[in-house]
Amino acid sequence: MASAGSAPPTPAAPAKLPRIVAASLIGTTIEWYDFFLYGSAAALVFNKLFFPDSDPLVGTLLSFLTYAVGFAARPIGALVFGHYGDRLGRKKLLVLSLLLMGGATCAIGLLPTHATVGSLAPVLLTTLRLVQGFALGGEWGGAVLLVSEHGDARRRGFWASWPQTGAPAGQLLATGVLSALTALLSEDAFESWGWRVPFLLSGVLVLVGLWIRLSVDESPVFKEALARAETRKAEADRTGDLAEKLPLVAVLRHHWRDVLVAMGARMAENISYYVITAFVLVYATSDHAGLGKQTALNAVLIASAVHFAVIPAWGALSDRIGRRPVYLLGAAGVGAWAFPFFALIDTGDFGALLLAVTVGLVFHGAMYAPQAAFFSEMFATRMRYSGASIGAQFASVAAGAPAPLIATALLADYDSSTPISLYVIAAALLTLVAVGVAKETRDRDLAGIESTSAPAPTGAVRDAGEPSTASRSGSA
């Protein structure tokens, strides 16, 4: 809420904005590289290295279970990082998340396997996966907010979509490194030591990410909101404003509907992505398609490059026609593509597999691209990190976390892709409902969206220029 007598926060200069975008992008790329590297390794080698006594498909299920554990830690990371990110700033917490993720990933590369330490190996693996999930839960919200709050409001969808390209960039990097290693090394060499190389490589990437991320300034919108909060606290200290002290409380009080919308919006986006990029490595190499590991990795690799390219285009389109129309198109698309996706893979042809994964990721991009701006525009500045992170990461527990597990279990029980297609369609319908009932956010002013839990100055401007009155209170 910007008072009539205060100057609006100054957006980043055009020359600085690309550097801010680069800082967010390099960080999210490294974080997603680490996270996806685990998912790919879980599908390809972890079942043999950490669960060797199990049936191959059961071993894969156990491997994906440790993969899902990382998602369970993401809401905790969202709560902790969101709380302190709304109090201390976006930049400090983003540096911490990068260090945590990189450290855990390097440690995975040094882990002893089941053959060396027995059942302790999967315990250590699961612990480090929890650290990865905790770090990623705090990364996403801060990265997209740093860009959203710096950038040009008219092109917010485009600029905020660039941190989102960190997901396909990380997938591209992780799959590319694994693909190169599986091509260059024998299967025995890869399972013996080759799988460790991409995990240890994360340490080098983290140093690069820290160098870039430490060079950017804090969000001007956050600085302005923090100054207003401190002024309010000084003027009304006797009230003990809980919303200022606990952003989580403020989110649940003023933005609980937005949190539910964000969670519903994430269902199709999250589930479809992990089916398309993680479970596909299991399905394509099964008896249904009979393709090799290298072939499946190459298909994901090429499709991820296309995914990277289309996300900014979808983000720019959301600036022209709105966040909701683009998001709804993506949700409808992944639902409609569910049956053709598996039918194409079943042909056993590389071209058909590539088409299946690429089209699926193009539709996914239509949801993922506007998501950063869409979620950022829902919440007030002093609770935006908490709100966006909670909405996104709590949904991941029910969506992305169990998606490969559910898909693998359905394949094991029914020996058919039909139940998996229905699972994706159900998620798409849920997202269509959530986004369908949401309000369009494209024209909202991030500096003008503020909680009215604290006393509002006369003449203050509320969400999207809507005037507030001294007697009015409620959600922003």
Protein backbone atom coordinates (compact mmCIF):
# COMPACT_ATOMS: atom_id res chain seq x y z
CA MET A 1 0.00 0.00 0.00
CA ALA A 2 1.73 3.17 -1.13
CA SER A 3 0.71 6.26 0.73
CA ALA A 4 -0.10 9.38 -1.16
CA GLY A 5 2.93 11.16 0.17
CA SER A 6 5.50 8.45 -0.53
CA ALA A 7 7.38 7.89 -3.73
CA PRO A 8 6.89 4.55 -5.46
CA PRO A 9 9.84 2.16 -5.44
CA THR A 10 12.25 2.73 -8.28
CA PRO A 11 12.40 -0.21 -10.71
CA ALA A 12 15.74 -1.58 -11.80
CA ALA A 13 17.48 0.35 -14.55
CA PRO A 14 17.29 -1.40 -17.95
CA ALA A 15 21.01 -2.14 -17.81
CA LYS A 16 20.71 -3.79 -14.38
CA LEU A 17 17.64 -5.94 -15.08
CA PRO A 18 19.44 -8.52 -17.27
CA ARG A 19 22.02 -8.97 -14.49
CA ILE A 20 19.23 -9.51 -11.96
CA VAL A 21 17.56 -11.99 -14.29
CA ALA A 22 20.90 -13.75 -14.81
CA ALA A 23 21.45 -13.99 -11.04
CA SER A 24 18.05 -15.60 -10.56
CA LEU A 25 18.41 -17.83 -13.61
CA ILE A 26 21.88 -19.18 -12.76
CA GLY A 27 20.78 -19.94 -9.23
CA THR A 28 17.57 -21.72 -10.22
CA THR A 29 19.42 -23.63 -12.95
CA ILE A 30 21.93 -24.95 -10.43
CA GLU A 31 19.24 -25.78 -7.89
CA TRP A 32 17.14 -27.62 -10.46
CA TYR A 33 20.22 -29.32 -11.91
CA ASP A 34 20.87 -30.77 -8.46
CA PHE A 35 17.24 -31.73 -7.92
CA PHE A 36 16.69 -33.29 -11.36
CA LEU A 37 20.04 -35.04 -11.33
CA TYR A 38 18.78 -37.00 -8.35
CA GLY A 39 15.54 -37.85 -10.18
CA SER A 40 17.37 -39.12 -13.26
CA ALA A 41 19.84 -41.11 -11.16
CA ALA A 42 16.92 -42.55 -9.17
CA ALA A 43 15.40 -43.84 -12.40
CA LEU A 44 18.67 -45.18 -13.83
CA VAL A 45 21.11 -46.41 -11.15
CA PHE A 46 20.05 -45.78 -7.55
CA ASN A 47 17.83 -48.87 -7.50
CA LYS A 48 20.93 -51.02 -8.11
CA LEU A 49 23.37 -49.06 -5.92
CA PHE A 50 21.24 -48.43 -2.85
CA PHE A 51 18.46 -51.09 -3.06
CA PRO A 52 20.20 -54.07 -4.73
CA ASP A 53 18.24 -56.79 -2.93
CA SER A 54 14.89 -55.75 -4.43
CA ASP A 55 13.09 -56.76 -7.59
CA PRO A 56 14.10 -54.24 -10.34
CA LEU A 57 10.71 -52.51 -10.43
CA VAL A 58 10.42 -52.57 -6.63
CA GLY A 59 13.93 -51.16 -6.43
CA THR A 60 12.85 -48.37 -8.74
CA LEU A 61 9.85 -47.69 -6.51
CA LEU A 62 12.12 -47.48 -3.44
CA SER A 63 14.48 -45.24 -5.36
CA PHE A 64 11.61 -42.92 -6.31
CA LEU A 65 10.49 -42.99 -2.67
CA THR A 66 13.74 -41.33 -1.63
CA TYR A 67 13.15 -38.95 -4.54
CA ALA A 68 9.72 -38.10 -3.11
CA VAL A 69 11.20 -37.43 0.33
CA GLY A 70 12.80 -34.31 -1.09
CA PHE A 71 9.36 -32.95 -1.87
CA ALA A 72 8.24 -33.55 1.70
CA ALA A 73 10.95 -31.16 2.90
CA ARG A 74 10.03 -28.44 0.40
CA PRO A 75 7.06 -27.03 2.39
CA ILE A 76 9.31 -26.76 5.45
CA GLY A 77 11.83 -24.88 3.36
CA ALA A 78 9.02 -22.68 2.02
CA LEU A 79 7.89 -21.81 5.56
CA VAL A 80 11.37 -21.07 6.92
CA PHE A 81 12.78 -19.26 3.88
CA GLY A 82 9.50 -17.47 3.24
CA HIS A 83 9.33 -16.20 6.82
CA TYR A 84 12.88 -14.86 6.89
CA GLY A 85 12.79 -13.77 3.26
CA ASP A 86 9.83 -11.52 4.06
CA ARG A 87 11.63 -10.13 7.11
CA LEU A 88 15.28 -9.94 6.00
CA GLY A 89 15.07 -9.76 2.21
CA ARG A 90 15.14 -12.02 -0.82
CA LYS A 91 18.88 -11.92 -1.57
CA LYS A 92 20.25 -13.25 1.74
CA LEU A 93 17.99 -16.28 1.71
CA LEU A 94 18.76 -17.07 -1.93
CA VAL A 95 22.48 -17.26 -1.15
CA LEU A 96 21.78 -19.65 1.74
CA SER A 97 19.53 -21.90 -0.37
CA LEU A 98 22.21 -22.20 -3.04
CA LEU A 99 24.86 -23.20 -0.50
CA LEU A 100 22.60 -25.81 1.10
CA MET A 101 21.59 -27.38 -2.20
CA GLY A 102 25.12 -27.47 -3.60
CA GLY A 103 26.57 -28.93 -0.42
CA ALA A 104 23.99 -31.71 -0.24
CA THR A 105 24.46 -32.61 -3.90
CA CYS A 106 28.25 -32.82 -3.61
CA ALA A 107 27.83 -35.01 -0.55
CA ILE A 108 25.62 -37.43 -2.52
CA GLY A 109 28.49 -37.79 -4.98
CA LEU A 110 30.71 -38.95 -2.11
CA LEU A 111 28.24 -41.40 -0.53
CA PRO A 112 29.17 -45.04 0.02
CA THR A 113 26.75 -47.47 -1.61
CA HIS A 114 24.84 -50.44 -0.19
CA ALA A 115 27.73 -52.74 -1.13
CA THR A 116 30.01 -50.79 1.23
CA VAL A 117 27.93 -49.82 4.26
CA GLY A 118 24.73 -51.81 3.83
CA SER A 119 21.43 -50.28 4.96
CA LEU A 120 23.18 -47.10 6.15
CA ALA A 121 23.62 -46.08 2.51
CA PRO A 122 19.93 -45.44 1.73
CA VAL A 123 19.56 -43.68 5.11
CA LEU A 124 22.34 -41.23 4.24
CA LEU A 125 20.92 -40.79 0.76
CA THR A 126 17.48 -39.97 2.16
CA THR A 127 18.94 -37.47 4.65
CA LEU A 128 20.75 -35.56 1.93
CA ARG A 129 17.64 -35.64 -0.22
CA LEU A 130 15.78 -33.94 2.65
CA VAL A 131 18.38 -31.15 2.66
CA GLN A 132 17.96 -30.76 -1.11
CA GLY A 133 14.20 -30.46 -0.76
CA PHE A 134 14.48 -27.97 2.10
CA ALA A 135 16.78 -25.75 0.04
CA LEU A 136 14.65 -25.92 -3.11
CA GLY A 137 11.54 -25.09 -1.11
CA GLY A 138 13.11 -21.74 -0.27
CA GLU A 139 14.77 -21.08 -3.63
CA TRP A 140 11.85 -20.78 -6.01
CA GLY A 141 9.89 -18.04 -4.27
CA GLY A 142 12.89 -15.80 -3.71
CA ALA A 143 14.24 -16.19 -7.24
CA VAL A 144 11.01 -15.27 -9.01
CA LEU A 145 10.28 -12.42 -6.60
CA LEU A 146 13.71 -10.89 -7.08
CA VAL A 147 12.92 -10.49 -10.78
CA SER A 148 9.21 -9.71 -10.43
CA GLU A 149 9.84 -6.92 -7.94
CA HIS A 150 12.70 -5.38 -9.92
CA GLY A 151 11.23 -5.49 -13.39
CA ASP A 152 9.02 -3.54 -15.74
CA ALA A 153 5.37 -4.12 -14.77
CA ARG A 154 4.25 -4.16 -18.41
CA ARG A 155 6.60 -7.06 -19.18
CA ARG A 156 6.56 -8.78 -15.80
CA GLY A 157 5.31 -12.05 -17.24
CA PHE A 158 8.22 -12.17 -19.68
CA TRP A 159 10.97 -11.20 -17.23
CA ALA A 160 9.63 -13.35 -14.39
CA SER A 161 9.46 -16.35 -16.71
CA TRP A 162 13.25 -16.40 -17.06
CA PRO A 163 13.90 -17.85 -13.59
CA GLN A 164 11.35 -20.49 -14.60
CA THR A 165 13.64 -21.51 -17.47
CA GLY A 166 16.03 -22.65 -14.74
CA ALA A 167 13.94 -25.83 -14.49
CA PRO A 168 14.43 -26.96 -18.10
CA ALA A 169 17.97 -25.56 -18.07
CA GLY A 170 18.74 -27.65 -15.00
CA GLN A 171 17.03 -30.64 -16.58
CA LEU A 172 19.00 -30.04 -19.78
CA LEU A 173 22.28 -29.82 -17.90
CA ALA A 174 21.61 -32.84 -15.68
CA THR A 175 20.35 -35.02 -18.53
CA GLY A 176 23.14 -33.83 -20.81
CA VAL A 177 25.86 -34.73 -18.31
CA LEU A 178 24.29 -38.13 -17.62
CA SER A 179 23.77 -38.77 -21.33
CA ALA A 180 27.41 -37.96 -22.09
CA LEU A 181 28.65 -40.21 -19.31
CA THR A 182 26.45 -43.15 -20.32
CA ALA A 183 27.68 -42.73 -23.91
CA LEU A 184 31.36 -42.53 -22.97
CA LEU A 185 31.50 -45.11 -20.17
CA SER A 186 30.62 -48.76 -20.03
CA GLU A 187 27.62 -49.67 -17.90
CA ASP A 188 29.92 -51.16 -15.26
CA ALA A 189 32.10 -48.02 -15.14
CA PHE A 190 29.07 -45.75 -14.94
CA GLU A 191 27.55 -47.73 -12.05
CA SER A 192 30.92 -48.00 -10.31
CA TRP A 193 32.07 -44.35 -10.33
CA GLY A 194 30.70 -42.46 -13.35
CA TRP A 195 27.38 -41.58 -11.68
CA ARG A 196 29.30 -39.59 -9.03
CA VAL A 197 30.80 -37.11 -11.50
CA PRO A 198 27.68 -34.99 -12.16
CA PHE A 199 26.98 -34.73 -8.42
CA LEU A 200 30.50 -33.51 -7.68
CA LEU A 201 30.28 -31.08 -10.59
CA SER A 202 27.62 -29.21 -8.62
CA GLY A 203 30.34 -27.75 -6.38
CA VAL A 204 31.86 -25.85 -9.31
CA LEU A 205 28.46 -24.62 -10.46
CA VAL A 206 27.62 -23.32 -6.98
CA LEU A 207 30.74 -21.14 -6.91
CA VAL A 208 29.71 -19.57 -10.22
CA GLY A 209 26.16 -19.05 -8.96
CA LEU A 210 27.31 -17.40 -5.74
CA TRP A 211 29.60 -15.00 -7.58
CA ILE A 212 26.72 -13.79 -9.76
CA ARG A 213 24.02 -13.84 -7.07
CA LEU A 214 26.07 -11.80 -4.57
CA SER A 215 26.49 -9.02 -7.15
CA VAL A 216 22.81 -7.96 -7.28
CA ASP A 217 20.84 -5.59 -5.06
CA GLU A 218 17.81 -6.31 -2.90
CA SER A 219 14.39 -5.78 -4.47
CA PRO A 220 13.33 -2.08 -4.37
CA VAL A 221 9.71 -3.08 -3.78
CA PHE A 222 10.77 -5.07 -0.72
CA LYS A 223 12.93 -2.18 0.58
CA GLU A 224 9.97 0.17 0.28
CA ALA A 225 7.61 -2.28 2.00
CA LEU A 226 10.12 -2.87 4.80
CA ALA A 227 10.45 0.88 5.36
CA ARG A 228 6.66 1.24 5.52
CA ALA A 229 6.43 -1.67 7.96
CA GLU A 230 9.03 -0.13 10.24
CA THR A 231 7.19 3.20 10.14
CA ARG A 232 3.90 1.51 11.02
CA LYS A 233 5.54 -0.40 13.84
CA ALA A 234 7.01 2.79 15.29
CA GLU A 235 3.66 4.60 15.05
CA ALA A 236 1.52 1.74 16.34
CA ASP A 237 3.90 -0.26 18.52
CA ARG A 238 1.25 -0.54 21.20
CA THR A 239 -0.86 -2.79 18.94
CA GLY A 240 1.87 -5.46 18.63
CA ASP A 241 1.08 -6.04 14.95
CA LEU A 242 1.38 -9.82 14.61
CA ALA A 243 1.18 -9.69 10.81
CA GLU A 244 4.45 -7.78 10.68
CA LYS A 245 6.15 -10.22 13.03
CA LEU A 246 4.85 -13.41 11.43
CA PRO A 247 4.35 -13.26 7.64
CA LEU A 248 2.94 -16.82 7.72
CA VAL A 249 0.11 -15.70 10.02
CA ALA A 250 -0.65 -12.82 7.68
CA VAL A 251 -0.70 -15.12 4.64
CA LEU A 252 -3.14 -17.53 6.25
CA ARG A 253 -5.29 -14.66 7.48
CA HIS A 254 -5.44 -12.49 4.37
CA HIS A 255 -4.49 -14.72 1.44
CA TRP A 256 -5.74 -18.21 2.22
CA ARG A 257 -7.90 -18.25 -0.93
CA ASP A 258 -4.88 -17.31 -3.03
CA VAL A 259 -2.85 -20.08 -1.40
CA LEU A 260 -5.55 -22.61 -2.36
CA VAL A 261 -5.66 -21.27 -5.93
CA ALA A 262 -1.87 -21.55 -6.21
CA MET A 263 -1.96 -25.11 -4.90
CA GLY A 264 -4.66 -26.11 -7.35
CA ALA A 265 -2.83 -24.42 -10.21
CA ARG A 266 0.28 -26.44 -9.41
CA MET A 267 -1.38 -29.87 -9.64
CA ALA A 268 -1.40 -30.37 -13.42
CA GLU A 269 1.85 -28.45 -13.89
CA ASN A 270 3.77 -30.46 -11.29
CA ILE A 271 2.32 -33.91 -11.99
CA SER A 272 2.64 -33.67 -15.76
CA TYR A 273 6.24 -32.47 -15.56
CA TYR A 274 7.50 -35.37 -13.48
CA VAL A 275 5.58 -37.90 -15.54
CA ILE A 276 7.02 -36.43 -18.74
CA THR A 277 10.63 -36.07 -17.57
CA ALA A 278 11.22 -38.59 -14.76
CA PHE A 279 8.74 -41.45 -15.18
CA VAL A 280 9.30 -41.47 -18.95
CA LEU A 281 12.82 -42.82 -18.29
CA VAL A 282 11.19 -45.83 -16.62
CA TYR A 283 8.36 -46.32 -19.12
CA ALA A 284 10.45 -45.85 -22.27
CA THR A 285 12.98 -48.45 -21.11
CA SER A 286 10.29 -50.95 -20.05
CA ASP A 287 8.92 -53.81 -22.15
CA HIS A 288 6.16 -51.51 -23.44
CA ALA A 289 8.55 -49.44 -25.54
CA GLY A 290 11.83 -51.38 -25.30
CA LEU A 291 14.01 -48.31 -25.80
CA GLY A 292 17.51 -47.92 -24.32
CA LYS A 293 18.58 -45.57 -21.54
CA GLN A 294 20.61 -43.46 -23.95
CA THR A 295 17.66 -43.07 -26.30
CA ALA A 296 15.31 -42.00 -23.52
CA LEU A 297 17.86 -39.53 -22.12
CA ASN A 298 18.44 -38.03 -25.56
CA ALA A 299 14.71 -37.47 -26.07
CA VAL A 300 14.39 -35.66 -22.72
CA LEU A 301 17.54 -33.69 -23.53
CA ILE A 302 16.24 -32.34 -26.85
CA ALA A 303 12.74 -31.71 -25.50
CA SER A 304 14.18 -29.78 -22.54
CA ALA A 305 15.95 -27.45 -24.98
CA VAL A 306 12.61 -26.72 -26.67
CA HIS A 307 11.00 -26.28 -23.26
CA PHE A 308 13.65 -23.71 -22.34
CA ALA A 309 12.95 -21.75 -25.54
CA VAL A 310 9.15 -21.64 -25.27
CA ILE A 311 8.87 -20.53 -21.63
CA PRO A 312 9.80 -16.85 -22.25
CA ALA A 313 7.46 -16.83 -25.26
CA TRP A 314 4.56 -18.06 -23.11
CA GLY A 315 5.54 -15.48 -20.46
CA ALA A 316 5.44 -12.69 -23.03
CA LEU A 317 2.04 -13.89 -24.25
CA SER A 318 0.72 -13.71 -20.67
CA ASP A 319 1.66 -10.01 -20.68
CA ARG A 320 -0.57 -9.49 -23.71
CA ILE A 321 -3.62 -11.63 -22.99
CA GLY A 322 -3.35 -12.35 -19.24
CA ARG A 323 -1.97 -15.05 -16.95
CA ARG A 324 -5.18 -17.09 -16.74
CA PRO A 325 -5.78 -17.72 -20.47
CA VAL A 326 -2.22 -18.97 -21.01
CA TYR A 327 -2.32 -21.12 -17.88
CA LEU A 328 -5.69 -22.63 -18.82
CA LEU A 329 -4.40 -23.47 -22.29
CA GLY A 330 -1.47 -25.36 -20.79
CA ALA A 331 -3.66 -27.31 -18.36
CA ALA A 332 -6.11 -28.30 -21.09
CA GLY A 333 -3.19 -29.23 -23.34
CA VAL A 334 -1.47 -31.64 -20.94
CA GLY A 335 -4.82 -33.27 -20.20
CA ALA A 336 -5.62 -33.77 -23.88
CA TRP A 337 -2.08 -35.03 -24.60
CA ALA A 338 -2.06 -37.72 -21.89
CA PHE A 339 -3.26 -40.62 -24.07
CA PRO A 340 -1.33 -39.65 -27.25
CA PHE A 341 1.80 -39.27 -25.11
CA PHE A 342 1.94 -42.94 -24.15
CA ALA A 343 0.61 -44.16 -27.50
CA LEU A 344 3.55 -42.52 -29.25
CA ILE A 345 6.08 -43.99 -26.82
CA ASP A 346 4.57 -47.46 -27.26
CA THR A 347 5.66 -47.43 -30.93
CA GLY A 348 9.25 -47.85 -29.79
CA ASP A 349 10.36 -45.22 -32.28
CA PHE A 350 12.76 -42.46 -31.18
CA GLY A 351 11.02 -39.82 -33.31
CA ALA A 352 7.66 -40.65 -31.75
CA LEU A 353 9.18 -40.57 -28.24
CA LEU A 354 10.74 -37.18 -28.96
CA LEU A 355 7.44 -35.81 -30.25
CA ALA A 356 5.58 -37.12 -27.19
CA VAL A 357 7.97 -35.51 -24.69
CA THR A 358 8.39 -32.25 -26.63
CA VAL A 359 4.69 -31.53 -27.09
CA GLY A 360 4.06 -32.43 -23.46
CA LEU A 361 6.72 -29.95 -22.29
CA VAL A 362 5.43 -27.21 -24.61
CA PHE A 363 2.00 -27.48 -22.97
CA HIS A 364 3.66 -27.63 -19.56
CA GLY A 365 5.52 -24.41 -20.39
CA ALA A 366 2.22 -22.61 -20.90
CA MET A 367 1.49 -23.22 -17.22
CA TYR A 368 4.99 -22.82 -15.88
CA ALA A 369 5.85 -19.55 -17.67
CA PRO A 370 3.10 -17.28 -16.26
CA GLN A 371 3.21 -19.01 -12.88
CA ALA A 372 5.97 -16.80 -11.48
CA ALA A 373 4.19 -13.52 -12.21
CA PHE A 374 0.75 -15.01 -11.45
CA PHE A 375 1.71 -16.16 -7.94
CA SER A 376 3.76 -13.03 -7.20
CA GLU A 377 0.81 -10.80 -8.08
CA MET A 378 -1.49 -12.59 -5.67
CA PHE A 379 0.27 -11.56 -2.44
CA ALA A 380 1.19 -8.41 -0.54
CA THR A 381 4.89 -7.50 -0.54
CA ARG A 382 5.62 -8.22 3.13
CA MET A 383 4.10 -11.69 2.86
CA ARG A 384 4.81 -12.40 -0.82
CA TYR A 385 7.81 -14.69 -0.29
CA SER A 386 5.82 -16.73 2.24
CA GLY A 387 2.60 -16.77 0.22
CA ALA A 388 4.11 -17.70 -3.14
CA SER A 389 6.42 -20.31 -1.59
CA ILE A 390 3.71 -21.92 0.56
CA GLY A 391 1.23 -22.11 -2.31
CA ALA A 392 3.81 -23.60 -4.67
CA GLN A 393 5.65 -25.98 -2.34
CA PHE A 394 2.76 -27.39 -0.30
CA ALA A 395 1.16 -28.45 -3.57
CA SER A 396 4.34 -30.25 -4.60
CA VAL A 397 3.87 -32.74 -1.75
CA ALA A 398 0.60 -33.93 -3.27
CA ALA A 399 1.61 -33.42 -6.89
CA GLY A 400 5.24 -33.79 -7.97
CA ALA A 401 6.40 -35.85 -4.99
CA PRO A 402 4.23 -38.92 -5.55
CA ALA A 403 3.84 -38.55 -9.33
CA PRO A 404 6.66 -40.91 -10.39
CA LEU A 405 5.74 -43.26 -7.52
CA ILE A 406 2.07 -43.36 -8.48
CA ALA A 407 2.85 -43.75 -12.17
CA THR A 408 5.32 -46.60 -11.48
CA ALA A 409 2.88 -48.33 -9.11
CA LEU A 410 0.04 -48.04 -11.64
CA LEU A 411 2.27 -49.52 -14.32
CA ALA A 412 3.25 -52.39 -12.02
CA ASP A 413 -0.37 -53.12 -11.01
CA TYR A 414 -2.12 -52.74 -14.37
CA ASP A 415 0.71 -53.24 -16.88
CA SER A 416 -0.90 -50.45 -18.88
CA SER A 417 -0.48 -46.71 -19.41
CA THR A 418 -4.25 -46.05 -19.33
CA PRO A 419 -4.50 -45.49 -15.54
CA ILE A 420 -1.50 -43.13 -15.74
CA SER A 421 -3.17 -41.10 -18.48
CA LEU A 422 -6.33 -40.83 -16.38
CA TYR A 423 -4.21 -39.69 -13.43
CA VAL A 424 -2.75 -36.83 -15.50
CA ILE A 425 -6.20 -35.89 -16.84
CA ALA A 426 -7.63 -35.72 -13.30
CA ALA A 427 -4.82 -33.34 -12.31
CA ALA A 428 -5.52 -31.20 -15.37
CA LEU A 429 -9.21 -30.92 -14.46
CA LEU A 430 -8.33 -29.84 -10.93
CA THR A 431 -6.03 -27.11 -12.26
CA LEU A 432 -8.65 -25.93 -14.76
CA VAL A 433 -11.09 -25.44 -11.89
CA ALA A 434 -8.56 -23.64 -9.65
CA VAL A 435 -7.34 -21.24 -12.32
CA GLY A 436 -10.85 -20.85 -13.71
CA VAL A 437 -12.14 -19.38 -10.43
CA ALA A 438 -9.07 -17.19 -9.87
CA LYS A 439 -8.97 -13.48 -10.66
CA GLU A 440 -6.77 -12.13 -13.43
CA THR A 441 -3.64 -10.51 -11.93
CA ARG A 442 -1.82 -9.08 -14.96
CA ASP A 443 -2.65 -5.42 -14.22
CA ARG A 444 -1.83 -5.48 -10.51
CA ASP A 445 0.84 -3.16 -9.12
CA LEU A 446 3.19 -5.16 -6.87
CA ALA A 447 3.97 -2.08 -4.80
CA GLY A 448 0.25 -1.41 -4.41
CA ILE A 449 -0.75 -4.85 -3.13
CA GLU A 450 -0.49 -4.56 0.63
CA SER A 451 -2.14 -6.11 3.64
CA THR A 452 -4.70 -3.94 5.34
CA SER A 453 -4.09 -5.60 8.69
CA ALA A 454 -2.18 -2.51 9.79
CA PRO A 455 -3.80 0.89 9.94
CA ALA A 456 -3.94 2.41 6.47
CA PRO A 457 -3.13 6.05 5.82
CA THR A 458 -5.94 8.08 4.32
CA GLY A 459 -5.79 8.12 0.57
CA ALA A 460 -3.71 4.94 0.37
CA VAL A 461 -3.86 3.04 -2.86
CA ARG A 462 -4.81 -0.59 -2.63
CA ASP A 463 -4.43 -3.50 -5.04
CA ALA A 464 -4.34 -2.34 -8.69
CA GLY A 465 -5.12 1.23 -7.76
CA GLU A 466 -8.29 0.44 -5.84
CA PRO A 467 -8.77 3.10 -3.12
CA SER A 468 -9.00 1.87 0.44
CA THR A 469 -10.79 3.61 3.24
CA ALA A 470 -9.85 4.08 6.86
CA SER A 471 -12.66 1.81 7.95
CA ARG A 472 -11.89 -0.97 5.51
CA SER A 473 -9.99 -4.08 6.52
CA GLY A 474 -9.58 -7.56 5.14
CA SER A 475 -7.52 -9.36 2.52
CA ALA A 476 -5.53 -7.64 -0.16
